[in-house]
Protein backbone atom coordinates (compact mmCIF):
# COMPACT_ATOMS: atom_id res chain seq x y z
CA MET A 1 -32.85 17.38 -93.24
CA GLY A 2 -33.77 13.71 -93.81
CA PRO A 3 -36.39 11.81 -91.82
CA PHE A 4 -33.72 10.04 -89.73
CA LYS A 5 -32.30 13.32 -88.43
CA ARG A 6 -35.79 14.58 -87.55
CA LEU A 7 -36.36 11.45 -85.43
CA LEU A 8 -33.09 11.90 -83.55
CA GLY A 9 -34.34 15.04 -81.84
CA ARG A 10 -37.59 13.48 -80.62
CA LYS A 11 -38.08 12.27 -77.09
CA ALA A 12 -39.66 8.93 -76.30
CA PRO A 13 -43.43 9.16 -75.93
CA PRO A 14 -44.55 9.68 -72.35
CA CYS A 15 -45.69 6.71 -70.32
CA ALA A 16 -49.39 6.72 -69.48
CA HIS A 17 -48.98 4.36 -66.50
CA LEU A 18 -46.94 6.36 -64.01
CA ASN A 19 -50.03 6.65 -61.79
CA GLN A 20 -49.68 2.92 -61.04
CA ILE A 21 -46.31 3.31 -59.30
CA ARG A 22 -46.57 2.58 -55.57
CA ASP A 23 -44.10 3.04 -52.72
CA VAL A 24 -43.02 -0.62 -52.58
CA GLN A 25 -40.10 -2.53 -51.16
CA PRO A 26 -38.73 -5.64 -52.89
CA ARG A 27 -40.52 -8.66 -51.40
CA THR A 28 -37.43 -10.90 -51.64
CA ALA A 29 -33.67 -10.55 -52.00
CA GLY A 30 -33.73 -12.56 -55.24
CA CYS A 31 -36.11 -13.66 -57.97
CA GLU A 32 -39.15 -15.04 -56.14
CA GLU A 33 -39.81 -17.86 -58.58
CA CYS A 34 -36.15 -18.80 -59.07
CA LEU A 35 -35.68 -19.02 -55.30
CA ALA A 36 -38.66 -21.40 -55.15
CA ILE A 37 -37.40 -23.69 -57.94
CA GLY A 38 -33.65 -23.38 -57.41
CA GLY A 39 -33.22 -21.34 -60.59
CA ILE A 40 -30.56 -18.78 -61.44
CA TRP A 41 -30.79 -15.21 -62.67
CA VAL A 42 -28.63 -12.58 -64.33
CA GLU A 43 -30.24 -9.37 -63.02
CA LEU A 44 -33.35 -8.58 -61.03
CA ARG A 45 -36.33 -6.32 -61.64
CA THR A 46 -38.79 -5.05 -59.04
CA CYS A 47 -42.45 -4.46 -59.87
CA LEU A 48 -43.40 -0.94 -58.80
CA SER A 49 -47.04 -1.92 -58.30
CA CYS A 50 -46.55 -4.74 -55.78
CA GLY A 51 -42.83 -5.25 -55.00
CA HIS A 52 -42.52 -8.63 -56.78
CA VAL A 53 -38.90 -9.39 -57.65
CA GLY A 54 -38.33 -11.26 -60.91
CA CYS A 55 -35.37 -12.09 -63.12
CA CYS A 56 -34.59 -10.11 -66.28
CA ASP A 57 -35.02 -11.16 -69.91
CA ASN A 58 -31.35 -12.25 -70.06
CA SER A 59 -32.08 -14.82 -67.35
CA PRO A 60 -33.22 -18.33 -68.32
CA ASN A 61 -36.74 -18.00 -66.89
CA ARG A 62 -37.61 -14.32 -67.53
CA HIS A 63 -39.82 -14.12 -64.44
CA ALA A 64 -40.15 -10.31 -64.44
CA ARG A 65 -41.77 -10.45 -67.89
CA ALA A 66 -43.92 -13.40 -66.79
CA HIS A 67 -45.10 -11.37 -63.77
CA PHE A 68 -46.23 -8.60 -66.10
CA GLY A 69 -47.97 -11.18 -68.28
CA THR A 70 -50.03 -12.53 -65.40
CA THR A 71 -50.70 -9.30 -63.49
CA SER A 72 -50.52 -6.51 -66.10
CA HIS A 73 -48.48 -4.45 -63.60
CA PRO A 74 -46.85 -2.08 -66.10
CA ILE A 75 -43.79 -0.51 -64.43
CA MET A 76 -40.67 -2.23 -63.16
CA ARG A 77 -37.36 -0.95 -61.84
CA ALA A 78 -33.91 -2.37 -62.38
CA THR A 79 -32.77 -3.88 -59.09
CA VAL A 80 -29.05 -3.56 -59.67
CA PRO A 81 -26.78 -1.32 -57.58
CA GLY A 82 -26.16 1.89 -59.50
CA TYR A 83 -29.05 1.41 -61.96
CA THR A 84 -31.85 3.95 -61.60
CA TRP A 85 -34.00 3.31 -64.67
CA THR A 86 -37.54 2.03 -64.79
CA TRP A 87 -39.40 0.41 -67.70
CA CYS A 88 -43.00 0.40 -68.79
CA TRP A 89 -43.93 -2.95 -70.32
CA ILE A 90 -47.02 -1.55 -72.02
CA ASP A 91 -45.55 1.59 -73.62
CA GLU A 92 -42.11 -0.06 -74.05
CA VAL A 93 -40.24 3.01 -72.82
CA LYS A 94 -37.82 3.86 -70.05
CA VAL A 95 -39.51 6.21 -67.63
């Protein structure tokens, strides 16, 4: 079996930041910064440390990533109906 096939069976490494998830509610119904500046977004992400709502990386301003950059809050959740995944910015894995 080649090295590629061995990697296929491996799971993503565990996230070491799950202890930073809090029981939060989204603070706004849209991207906080975009609402303030009249910006637009594609999808929203909610910070699971503080409830900040920011726009995704496909949005012009990428406020969810910027929030992580200024706060180091590691875990965010997709804020799209039907999406249930979360992402750790530090470990770069879905959790």
